[in-house]
Amino acid sequence: MVGTFEVDEKIYLEPCPFCGGEAYITGLFIPVNGDEINAYAVGCEKCGISFMEDWIYDNIVKKWNTRIQ
């Protein structure tokens, strides 16, 4: 079962490229072969667009903040 955790580090996320809404980031625990990995989901509170990235936190923040508008 996938669990979630709050990301304590406060990082700036650009507004949603589709609607301008406020962005969020959530941590996920994903079970894999009796172990678990951390992944991250980033998305928009207003329109619901989101995507997930593997365990590299800086990658998902960079992808969200540097995406094409």
PDB file of N, CA and C in Angstrom:
ATOM      1  N   MET A   1       0.837  -1.178   0.000  1.00  0.00           N
ATOM      2  CA  MET A   1       0.000   0.000   0.000  1.00  0.00           C
ATOM      3  C   MET A   1       0.882   1.241   0.000  1.00  0.00           C
ATOM      4  N   VAL A   2       0.522   2.207  -0.806  1.00  0.00           N
ATOM      5  CA  VAL A   2       1.269   3.450  -0.897  1.00  0.00           C
ATOM      6  C   VAL A   2       0.883   4.354   0.267  1.00  0.00           C
ATOM      7  N   GLY A   3       1.879   4.913   0.934  1.00  0.00           N
ATOM      8  CA  GLY A   3       1.647   5.880   2.004  1.00  0.00           C
ATOM      9  C   GLY A   3       2.202   7.231   1.591  1.00  0.00           C
ATOM     10  N   THR A   4       1.844   8.255   2.308  1.00  0.00           N
ATOM     11  CA  THR A   4       2.331   9.594   1.986  1.00  0.00           C
ATOM     12  C   THR A   4       3.073  10.178   3.181  1.00  0.00           C
ATOM     13  N   PHE A   5       3.899  11.164   2.896  1.00  0.00           N
ATOM     14  CA  PHE A   5       4.552  11.920   3.957  1.00  0.00           C
ATOM     15  C   PHE A   5       4.674  13.367   3.508  1.00  0.00           C
ATOM     16  N   GLU A   6       4.679  14.267   4.484  1.00  0.00           N
ATOM     17  CA  GLU A   6       4.821  15.679   4.175  1.00  0.00           C
ATOM     18  C   GLU A   6       6.284  15.997   3.890  1.00  0.00           C
ATOM     19  N   VAL A   7       6.492  16.856   2.935  1.00  0.00           N
ATOM     20  CA  VAL A   7       7.835  17.322   2.613  1.00  0.00           C
ATOM     21  C   VAL A   7       8.102  18.533   3.494  1.00  0.00           C
ATOM     22  N   ASP A   8       9.047  18.392   4.417  1.00  0.00           N
ATOM     23  CA  ASP A   8       9.314  19.444   5.397  1.00  0.00           C
ATOM     24  C   ASP A   8      10.041  20.646   4.793  1.00  0.00           C
ATOM     25  N   GLU A   9      10.883  20.388   3.819  1.00  0.00           N
ATOM     26  CA  GLU A   9      11.659  21.469   3.222  1.00  0.00           C
ATOM     27  C   GLU A   9      10.718  22.402   2.460  1.00  0.00           C
ATOM     28  N   LYS A  10      10.768  23.664   2.800  1.00  0.00           N
ATOM     29  CA  LYS A  10       9.936  24.655   2.111  1.00  0.00           C
ATOM     30  C   LYS A  10      10.661  25.114   0.854  1.00  0.00           C
ATOM     31  N   ILE A  11      10.094  24.819  -0.276  1.00  0.00           N
ATOM     32  CA  ILE A  11      10.704  25.137  -1.565  1.00  0.00           C
ATOM     33  C   ILE A  11       9.688  25.922  -2.391  1.00  0.00           C
ATOM     34  N   TYR A  12      10.174  26.829  -3.201  1.00  0.00           N
ATOM     35  CA  TYR A  12       9.277  27.607  -4.051  1.00  0.00           C
ATOM     36  C   TYR A  12       8.858  26.776  -5.251  1.00  0.00           C
ATOM     37  N   LEU A  13       7.556  26.694  -5.492  1.00  0.00           N
ATOM     38  CA  LEU A  13       7.009  26.047  -6.679  1.00  0.00           C
ATOM     39  C   LEU A  13       6.268  27.101  -7.485  1.00  0.00           C
ATOM     40  N   GLU A  14       6.555  27.153  -8.769  1.00  0.00           N
ATOM     41  CA  GLU A  14       5.867  28.072  -9.676  1.00  0.00           C
ATOM     42  C   GLU A  14       4.371  27.742  -9.689  1.00  0.00           C
ATOM     43  N   PRO A  15       3.525  28.731 -10.007  1.00  0.00           N
ATOM     44  CA  PRO A  15       2.088  28.451 -10.154  1.00  0.00           C
ATOM     45  C   PRO A  15       1.850  27.455 -11.288  1.00  0.00           C
ATOM     46  N   CYS A  16       0.684  26.846 -11.296  1.00  0.00           N
ATOM     47  CA  CYS A  16       0.301  25.879 -12.315  1.00  0.00           C
ATOM     48  C   CYS A  16       0.373  26.509 -13.704  1.00  0.00           C
ATOM     49  N   PRO A  17       0.977  25.823 -14.678  1.00  0.00           N
ATOM     50  CA  PRO A  17       1.085  26.377 -16.033  1.00  0.00           C
ATOM     51  C   PRO A  17      -0.248  26.370 -16.784  1.00  0.00           C
ATOM     52  N   PHE A  18      -1.241  25.651 -16.275  1.00  0.00           N
ATOM     53  CA  PHE A  18      -2.532  25.553 -16.955  1.00  0.00           C
ATOM     54  C   PHE A  18      -3.551  26.552 -16.432  1.00  0.00           C
ATOM     55  N   CYS A  19      -3.620  26.684 -15.096  1.00  0.00           N
ATOM     56  CA  CYS A  19      -4.660  27.544 -14.526  1.00  0.00           C
ATOM     57  C   CYS A  19      -4.124  28.630 -13.610  1.00  0.00           C
ATOM     58  N   GLY A  20      -2.828  28.581 -13.277  1.00  0.00           N
ATOM     59  CA  GLY A  20      -2.239  29.574 -12.386  1.00  0.00           C
ATOM     60  C   GLY A  20      -2.452  29.292 -10.914  1.00  0.00           C
ATOM     61  N   GLY A  21      -3.035  28.125 -10.608  1.00  0.00           N
ATOM     62  CA  GLY A  21      -3.311  27.756  -9.217  1.00  0.00           C
ATOM     63  C   GLY A  21      -2.054  27.453  -8.418  1.00  0.00           C
ATOM     64  N   GLU A  22      -2.228  27.313  -7.125  1.00  0.00           N
ATOM     65  CA  GLU A  22      -1.123  27.033  -6.211  1.00  0.00           C
ATOM     66  C   GLU A  22      -0.664  25.580  -6.341  1.00  0.00           C
ATOM     67  N   ALA A  23       0.643  25.397  -6.387  1.00  0.00           N
ATOM     68  CA  ALA A  23       1.223  24.056  -6.523  1.00  0.00           C
ATOM     69  C   ALA A  23       1.475  23.428  -5.150  1.00  0.00           C
ATOM     70  N   TYR A  24       1.523  22.104  -5.130  1.00  0.00           N
ATOM     71  CA  TYR A  24       1.851  21.356  -3.913  1.00  0.00           C
ATOM     72  C   TYR A  24       2.870  20.280  -4.254  1.00  0.00           C
ATOM     73  N   ILE A  25       3.554  19.790  -3.233  1.00  0.00           N
ATOM     74  CA  ILE A  25       4.441  18.636  -3.380  1.00  0.00           C
ATOM     75  C   ILE A  25       4.157  17.687  -2.223  1.00  0.00           C
ATOM     76  N   THR A  26       4.078  16.402  -2.524  1.00  0.00           N
ATOM     77  CA  THR A  26       3.790  15.365  -1.541  1.00  0.00           C
ATOM     78  C   THR A  26       4.794  14.233  -1.695  1.00  0.00           C
ATOM     79  N   GLY A  27       5.248  13.691  -0.589  1.00  0.00           N
ATOM     80  CA  GLY A  27       6.120  12.528  -0.616  1.00  0.00           C
ATOM     81  C   GLY A  27       5.297  11.249  -0.571  1.00  0.00           C
ATOM     82  N   LEU A  28       5.794  10.213  -1.234  1.00  0.00           N
ATOM     83  CA  LEU A  28       5.110   8.921  -1.289  1.00  0.00           C
ATOM     84  C   LEU A  28       6.060   7.800  -0.889  1.00  0.00           C
ATOM     85  N   PHE A  29       5.565   6.861  -0.096  1.00  0.00           N
ATOM     86  CA  PHE A  29       6.271   5.613   0.180  1.00  0.00           C
ATOM     87  C   PHE A  29       5.668   4.570  -0.742  1.00  0.00           C
ATOM     88  N   ILE A  30       6.476   3.952  -1.596  1.00  0.00           N
ATOM     89  CA  ILE A  30       5.971   2.961  -2.537  1.00  0.00           C
ATOM     90  C   ILE A  30       6.643   1.627  -2.251  1.00  0.00           C
ATOM     91  N   PRO A  31       5.856   0.593  -1.901  1.00  0.00           N
ATOM     92  CA  PRO A  31       6.443  -0.713  -1.609  1.00  0.00           C
ATOM     93  C   PRO A  31       6.979  -1.378  -2.880  1.00  0.00           C
ATOM     94  N   VAL A  32       8.195  -1.932  -2.763  1.00  0.00           N
ATOM     95  CA  VAL A  32       8.838  -2.631  -3.879  1.00  0.00           C
ATOM     96  C   VAL A  32       9.581  -3.840  -3.320  1.00  0.00           C
ATOM     97  N   ASN A  33       9.110  -5.026  -3.656  1.00  0.00           N
ATOM     98  CA  ASN A  33       9.781  -6.269  -3.271  1.00  0.00           C
ATOM     99  C   ASN A  33      10.136  -6.330  -1.785  1.00  0.00           C
ATOM    100  N   GLY A  34       9.180  -6.060  -0.923  1.00  0.00           N
ATOM    101  CA  GLY A  34       9.406  -6.139   0.515  1.00  0.00           C
ATOM    102  C   GLY A  34      10.133  -4.945   1.095  1.00  0.00           C
ATOM    103  N   ASP A  35      10.477  -3.980   0.294  1.00  0.00           N
ATOM    104  CA  ASP A  35      11.143  -2.753   0.735  1.00  0.00           C
ATOM    105  C   ASP A  35      10.266  -1.588   0.302  1.00  0.00           C
ATOM    106  N   GLU A  36      10.749  -0.402   0.415  1.00  0.00           N
ATOM    107  CA  GLU A  36       9.995   0.747  -0.093  1.00  0.00           C
ATOM    108  C   GLU A  36      10.954   1.785  -0.661  1.00  0.00           C
ATOM    109  N   ILE A  37      10.441   2.541  -1.606  1.00  0.00           N
ATOM    110  CA  ILE A  37      11.199   3.659  -2.153  1.00  0.00           C
ATOM    111  C   ILE A  37      10.399   4.928  -1.895  1.00  0.00           C
ATOM    112  N   ASN A  38      11.088   6.050  -1.901  1.00  0.00           N
ATOM    113  CA  ASN A  38      10.423   7.340  -1.799  1.00  0.00           C
ATOM    114  C   ASN A  38      10.254   7.903  -3.194  1.00  0.00           C
ATOM    115  N   ALA A  39       9.106   8.474  -3.441  1.00  0.00           N
ATOM    116  CA  ALA A  39       8.838   9.174  -4.691  1.00  0.00           C
ATOM    117  C   ALA A  39       8.141  10.475  -4.308  1.00  0.00           C
ATOM    118  N   TYR A  40       7.990  11.344  -5.284  1.00  0.00           N
ATOM    119  CA  TYR A  40       7.347  12.627  -5.027  1.00  0.00           C
ATOM    120  C   TYR A  40       6.325  12.922  -6.097  1.00  0.00           C
ATOM    121  N   ALA A  41       5.229  13.543  -5.696  1.00  0.00           N
ATOM    122  CA  ALA A  41       4.214  14.003  -6.634  1.00  0.00           C
ATOM    123  C   ALA A  41       4.096  15.513  -6.475  1.00  0.00           C
ATOM    124  N   VAL A  42       4.000  16.204  -7.596  1.00  0.00           N
ATOM    125  CA  VAL A  42       3.793  17.648  -7.591  1.00  0.00           C
ATOM    126  C   VAL A  42       2.584  17.926  -8.462  1.00  0.00           C
ATOM    127  N   GLY A  43       1.802  18.920  -8.086  1.00  0.00           N
ATOM    128  CA  GLY A  43       0.617  19.207  -8.865  1.00  0.00           C
ATOM    129  C   GLY A  43      -0.051  20.491  -8.435  1.00  0.00           C
ATOM    130  N   CYS A  44      -1.264  20.684  -8.925  1.00  0.00           N
ATOM    131  CA  CYS A  44      -2.022  21.904  -8.700  1.00  0.00           C
ATOM    132  C   CYS A  44      -3.249  21.614  -7.837  1.00  0.00           C
ATOM    133  N   GLU A  45      -3.416  22.416  -6.794  1.00  0.00           N
ATOM    134  CA  GLU A  45      -4.576  22.295  -5.916  1.00  0.00           C
ATOM    135  C   GLU A  45      -5.879  22.618  -6.652  1.00  0.00           C
ATOM    136  N   LYS A  46      -5.833  23.546  -7.606  1.00  0.00           N
ATOM    137  CA  LYS A  46      -7.044  24.050  -8.250  1.00  0.00           C
ATOM    138  C   LYS A  46      -7.561  23.130  -9.359  1.00  0.00           C
ATOM    139  N   CYS A  47      -6.711  22.802 -10.340  1.00  0.00           N
ATOM    140  CA  CYS A  47      -7.203  22.034 -11.498  1.00  0.00           C
ATOM    141  C   CYS A  47      -6.886  20.542 -11.417  1.00  0.00           C
ATOM    142  N   GLY A  48      -6.021  20.135 -10.485  1.00  0.00           N
ATOM    143  CA  GLY A  48      -5.764  18.723 -10.264  1.00  0.00           C
ATOM    144  C   GLY A  48      -4.682  18.088 -11.123  1.00  0.00           C
ATOM    145  N   ILE A  49      -4.045  18.851 -12.024  1.00  0.00           N
ATOM    146  CA  ILE A  49      -2.960  18.289 -12.829  1.00  0.00           C
ATOM    147  C   ILE A  49      -1.820  17.888 -11.887  1.00  0.00           C
ATOM    148  N   SER A  50      -1.182  16.752 -12.156  1.00  0.00           N
ATOM    149  CA  SER A  50      -0.064  16.325 -11.317  1.00  0.00           C
ATOM    150  C   SER A  50       0.813  15.344 -12.073  1.00  0.00           C
ATOM    151  N   PHE A  51       2.030  15.154 -11.568  1.00  0.00           N
ATOM    152  CA  PHE A  51       2.886  14.093 -12.061  1.00  0.00           C
ATOM    153  C   PHE A  51       3.776  13.616 -10.937  1.00  0.00           C
ATOM    154  N   MET A  52       4.335  12.441 -11.129  1.00  0.00           N
ATOM    155  CA  MET A  52       5.158  11.805 -10.109  1.00  0.00           C
ATOM    156  C   MET A  52       6.562  11.598 -10.650  1.00  0.00           C
ATOM    157  N   GLU A  53       7.532  11.650  -9.761  1.00  0.00           N
ATOM    158  CA  GLU A  53       8.948  11.483 -10.099  1.00  0.00           C
ATOM    159  C   GLU A  53       9.542  10.501  -9.102  1.00  0.00           C
ATOM    160  N   ASP A  54      10.632   9.894  -9.470  1.00  0.00           N
ATOM    161  CA  ASP A  54      11.281   8.951  -8.563  1.00  0.00           C
ATOM    162  C   ASP A  54      11.805   9.654  -7.312  1.00  0.00           C
ATOM    163  N   TRP A  55      12.687   9.064  -6.612  1.00  0.00           N
ATOM    164  CA  TRP A  55      13.116   9.484  -5.288  1.00  0.00           C
ATOM    165  C   TRP A  55      14.016  10.713  -5.274  1.00  0.00           C
ATOM    166  N   ILE A  56      14.290  11.326  -6.392  1.00  0.00           N
ATOM    167  CA  ILE A  56      15.187  12.487  -6.410  1.00  0.00           C
ATOM    168  C   ILE A  56      14.351  13.765  -6.308  1.00  0.00           C
ATOM    169  N   TYR A  57      14.259  14.283  -5.114  1.00  0.00           N
ATOM    170  CA  TYR A  57      13.426  15.438  -4.787  1.00  0.00           C
ATOM    171  C   TYR A  57      13.757  16.646  -5.664  1.00  0.00           C
ATOM    172  N   ASP A  58      15.032  16.966  -5.825  1.00  0.00           N
ATOM    173  CA  ASP A  58      15.423  18.146  -6.601  1.00  0.00           C
ATOM    174  C   ASP A  58      14.969  18.048  -8.057  1.00  0.00           C
ATOM    175  N   ASN A  59      14.911  16.843  -8.612  1.00  0.00           N
ATOM    176  CA  ASN A  59      14.485  16.679 -10.005  1.00  0.00           C
ATOM    177  C   ASN A  59      13.037  17.101 -10.225  1.00  0.00           C
ATOM    178  N   ILE A  60      12.148  16.699  -9.340  1.00  0.00           N
ATOM    179  CA  ILE A  60      10.738  17.022  -9.553  1.00  0.00           C
ATOM    180  C   ILE A  60      10.489  18.516  -9.373  1.00  0.00           C
ATOM    181  N   VAL A  61      11.174  19.132  -8.424  1.00  0.00           N
ATOM    182  CA  VAL A  61      11.027  20.578  -8.224  1.00  0.00           C
ATOM    183  C   VAL A  61      11.529  21.321  -9.458  1.00  0.00           C
ATOM    184  N   LYS A  62      12.677  20.900  -9.975  1.00  0.00           N
ATOM    185  CA  LYS A  62      13.240  21.548 -11.161  1.00  0.00           C
ATOM    186  C   LYS A  62      12.315  21.362 -12.375  1.00  0.00           C
ATOM    187  N   LYS A  63      11.781  20.162 -12.553  1.00  0.00           N
ATOM    188  CA  LYS A  63      10.885  19.908 -13.694  1.00  0.00           C
ATOM    189  C   LYS A  63       9.625  20.773 -13.606  1.00  0.00           C
ATOM    190  N   TRP A  64       9.048  20.908 -12.429  1.00  0.00           N
ATOM    191  CA  TRP A  64       7.853  21.718 -12.281  1.00  0.00           C
ATOM    192  C   TRP A  64       8.166  23.201 -12.530  1.00  0.00           C
ATOM    193  N   ASN A  65       9.254  23.682 -11.953  1.00  0.00           N
ATOM    194  CA  ASN A  65       9.572  25.107 -12.041  1.00  0.00           C
ATOM    195  C   ASN A  65      10.153  25.543 -13.374  1.00  0.00           C
ATOM    196  N   THR A  66      10.599  24.609 -14.206  1.00  0.00           N
ATOM    197  CA  THR A  66      11.197  24.989 -15.492  1.00  0.00           C
ATOM    198  C   THR A  66      10.397  24.469 -16.677  1.00  0.00           C
ATOM    199  N   ARG A  67       9.178  24.057 -16.464  1.00  0.00           N
ATOM    200  CA  ARG A  67       8.351  23.516 -17.545  1.00  0.00           C
ATOM    201  C   ARG A  67       7.927  24.627 -18.502  1.00  0.00           C
ATOM    202  N   ILE A  68       7.554  24.226 -19.692  1.00  0.00           N
ATOM    203  CA  ILE A  68       7.099  25.155 -20.711  1.00  0.00           C
ATOM    204  C   ILE A  68       5.675  25.598 -20.378  1.00  0.00           C
ATOM    205  N   GLN A  69       5.419  26.861 -20.479  1.00  0.00           N
ATOM    206  CA  GLN A  69       4.079  27.385 -20.165  1.00  0.00           C
ATOM    207  C   GLN A  69       3.275  27.626 -21.413  1.00  0.00           C
TER     208      GLN A  69
END
